[in-house]
């Protein structure tokens, strides 16, 4: 029964991550249209960066789920995330440099979108490659209360093991 619960949780994680790739930008576009405000390159770049990281997260949970379903444990394809981590850091630095050089927005909603999606992208990277930021079950909350610090992310621990 424990394996079925884990499979269900992993499926939820990768499905939600992959659905957010479409859902979040569509919601942002809808809000911009309702408010009749243009979307500029800063928010589009932020959305793209966020979507890249969401896809990476979805693929990670999908690989974990498939490995467990096949009884093989964790797939060796997880090692592909080692160079992806470095590419992500370069993308974040390039993004921040771009924003530093081009800090003008087409509208209020463009500025809000840039901030929200940029922050979400950076938090997604931290959540997958550094520290777990989501504590949504009893075991995670118990760990947080007991040790008073964030857990290393699952991907980070796996990359150190492989």
Protein backbone atom coordinates (compact mmCIF):
# COMPACT_ATOMS: atom_id res chain seq x y z
CA UNK A 1 0.00 0.00 0.00
CA UNK A 2 2.90 2.36 0.74
CA UNK A 3 4.20 2.00 -2.84
CA UNK A 4 0.76 2.85 -4.24
CA UNK A 5 0.55 5.97 -2.07
CA UNK A 6 4.03 7.03 -3.20
CA UNK A 7 3.11 6.43 -6.85
CA UNK A 8 -0.06 8.49 -6.42
CA UNK A 9 1.87 11.34 -4.79
CA UNK A 10 4.58 11.32 -7.46
CA UNK A 11 1.97 11.32 -10.22
CA UNK A 12 0.29 14.30 -8.58
CA UNK A 13 3.63 16.12 -8.41
CA UNK A 14 4.62 15.65 -12.03
CA UNK A 15 1.12 16.25 -13.42
CA UNK A 16 0.72 19.50 -11.46
CA UNK A 17 4.18 20.73 -12.46
CA UNK A 18 3.51 20.04 -16.13
CA UNK A 19 0.00 21.52 -16.04
CA UNK A 20 1.39 24.69 -14.48
CA UNK A 21 3.56 25.16 -17.58
CA UNK A 22 0.38 26.03 -19.49
CA UNK A 23 -1.93 27.14 -16.68
CA UNK A 24 0.17 29.90 -15.12
CA UNK A 25 1.01 31.76 -18.36
CA UNK A 26 -2.60 31.46 -19.55
CA UNK A 27 -3.88 32.95 -16.30
CA UNK A 28 -1.36 35.78 -16.56
CA UNK A 29 -2.34 36.45 -20.18
CA UNK A 30 -6.03 36.45 -19.22
CA UNK A 31 -5.46 38.95 -16.40
CA UNK A 32 -3.45 41.21 -18.72
CA UNK A 33 -6.25 41.06 -21.32
CA UNK A 34 -8.96 41.79 -18.74
CA UNK A 35 -6.98 44.76 -17.44
CA UNK A 36 -6.18 45.78 -21.02
CA UNK A 37 -2.47 46.07 -20.29
CA UNK A 38 0.32 44.97 -22.62
CA UNK A 39 2.78 42.24 -21.78
CA UNK A 40 6.41 43.11 -22.46
CA UNK A 41 9.61 41.16 -23.03
CA UNK A 42 10.57 41.18 -19.33
CA UNK A 43 7.52 39.23 -18.23
CA UNK A 44 7.71 36.93 -21.27
CA UNK A 45 11.32 36.10 -20.40
CA UNK A 46 10.32 35.50 -16.76
CA UNK A 47 7.52 33.19 -17.87
CA UNK A 48 9.85 31.23 -20.15
CA UNK A 49 12.42 30.80 -17.40
CA UNK A 50 9.74 29.67 -14.97
CA UNK A 51 8.29 27.22 -17.51
CA UNK A 52 11.71 25.71 -18.21
CA UNK A 53 12.19 25.02 -14.51
CA UNK A 54 8.65 23.65 -14.13
CA UNK A 55 9.24 21.22 -17.02
CA UNK A 56 12.50 20.11 -15.40
CA UNK A 57 10.67 19.47 -12.13
CA UNK A 58 7.89 17.57 -13.87
CA UNK A 59 10.40 15.40 -15.74
CA UNK A 60 12.31 14.73 -12.52
CA UNK A 61 9.20 13.46 -10.70
CA UNK A 62 8.16 11.47 -13.78
CA UNK A 63 11.57 9.74 -13.87
CA UNK A 64 11.36 8.96 -10.16
CA UNK A 65 7.84 7.60 -10.57
CA UNK A 66 8.79 5.39 -13.52
CA UNK A 67 11.85 4.07 -11.74
CA UNK A 68 9.81 3.06 -8.72
CA UNK A 69 7.03 1.56 -10.88
CA UNK A 70 9.57 -0.62 -12.70
CA UNK A 71 11.14 -1.69 -9.41
CA UNK A 72 14.52 -0.36 -10.45
CA UNK A 73 14.72 2.38 -7.87
CA UNK A 74 16.05 5.64 -9.15
CA UNK A 75 16.88 5.90 -12.81
CA UNK A 76 20.44 6.60 -13.92
CA UNK A 77 18.97 9.28 -16.18
CA UNK A 78 18.79 11.44 -13.05
CA UNK A 79 22.49 12.18 -13.65
CA UNK A 80 21.41 14.29 -16.64
CA UNK A 81 20.30 16.87 -14.09
CA UNK A 82 23.90 17.52 -13.01
CA UNK A 83 24.75 19.71 -16.05
CA UNK A 84 21.18 21.07 -16.12
CA UNK A 85 21.82 22.56 -12.67
CA UNK A 86 24.78 24.54 -14.03
CA UNK A 87 22.80 25.64 -17.09
CA UNK A 88 19.98 26.82 -14.81
CA UNK A 89 22.39 28.91 -12.76
CA UNK A 90 23.75 30.48 -15.95
CA UNK A 91 20.17 31.19 -17.13
CA UNK A 92 19.31 32.82 -13.80
CA UNK A 93 22.43 34.99 -13.92
CA UNK A 94 21.75 35.99 -17.54
CA UNK A 95 18.13 36.76 -16.62
CA UNK A 96 19.15 38.96 -13.69
CA UNK A 97 21.75 40.73 -15.84
CA UNK A 98 19.14 41.34 -18.54
CA UNK A 99 16.72 42.77 -15.99
CA UNK A 100 19.45 44.97 -14.57
CA UNK A 101 20.11 46.41 -18.02
CA UNK A 102 16.49 46.57 -19.15
CA UNK A 103 14.46 47.55 -16.10
CA UNK A 104 11.56 49.16 -17.93
CA UNK A 105 8.09 47.71 -18.18
CA UNK A 106 5.33 48.07 -20.74
CA UNK A 107 2.63 48.25 -18.07
CA UNK A 108 1.95 47.66 -14.40
CA UNK A 109 0.94 44.05 -15.09
CA UNK A 110 4.19 43.54 -17.03
CA UNK A 111 6.16 44.55 -13.94
CA UNK A 112 4.06 42.39 -11.65
CA UNK A 113 4.39 39.40 -13.99
CA UNK A 114 8.14 39.88 -14.25
CA UNK A 115 8.49 39.92 -10.47
CA UNK A 116 6.12 36.99 -9.80
CA UNK A 117 7.40 34.66 -12.53
CA UNK A 118 11.05 35.59 -11.96
CA UNK A 119 10.73 34.91 -8.24
CA UNK A 120 8.86 31.68 -8.90
CA UNK A 121 11.55 30.53 -11.34
CA UNK A 122 14.33 31.14 -8.81
CA UNK A 123 12.34 29.41 -6.06
CA UNK A 124 11.69 26.43 -8.36
CA UNK A 125 15.42 26.10 -8.99
CA UNK A 126 16.15 26.25 -5.26
CA UNK A 127 13.36 23.76 -4.52
CA UNK A 128 14.73 21.19 -6.98
CA UNK A 129 18.48 21.67 -6.90
CA UNK A 130 19.25 23.02 -3.41
CA UNK A 131 16.71 22.86 -0.58
CA UNK A 132 13.19 21.52 -0.30
CA UNK A 133 10.87 24.51 0.05
CA UNK A 134 7.53 22.69 0.07
CA UNK A 135 6.56 21.05 3.36
CA UNK A 136 3.12 19.59 2.86
CA UNK A 137 3.05 16.32 4.77
CA UNK A 138 3.53 15.25 8.37
CA UNK A 139 6.99 13.77 7.91
CA UNK A 140 8.33 16.92 6.29
CA UNK A 141 6.79 19.16 8.95
CA UNK A 142 8.13 16.88 11.71
CA UNK A 143 11.63 17.15 10.20
CA UNK A 144 11.37 20.93 10.03
CA UNK A 145 10.24 21.21 13.67
CA UNK A 146 12.81 18.73 14.92
CA UNK A 147 15.89 20.09 13.17
CA UNK A 148 14.84 23.71 12.59
CA UNK A 149 16.33 23.81 9.10
CA UNK A 150 15.36 23.05 5.53
CA UNK A 151 15.97 19.61 4.03
CA UNK A 152 18.30 19.17 1.10
CA UNK A 153 16.17 18.64 -2.00
CA UNK A 154 15.54 15.10 -3.22
CA UNK A 155 17.35 15.78 -6.49
CA UNK A 156 20.34 17.27 -4.66
CA UNK A 157 20.61 14.18 -2.45
CA UNK A 158 20.29 11.85 -5.44
CA UNK A 159 22.97 13.68 -7.42
CA UNK A 160 25.36 13.35 -4.48
CA UNK A 161 24.65 9.60 -4.23
CA UNK A 162 25.08 8.82 -7.95
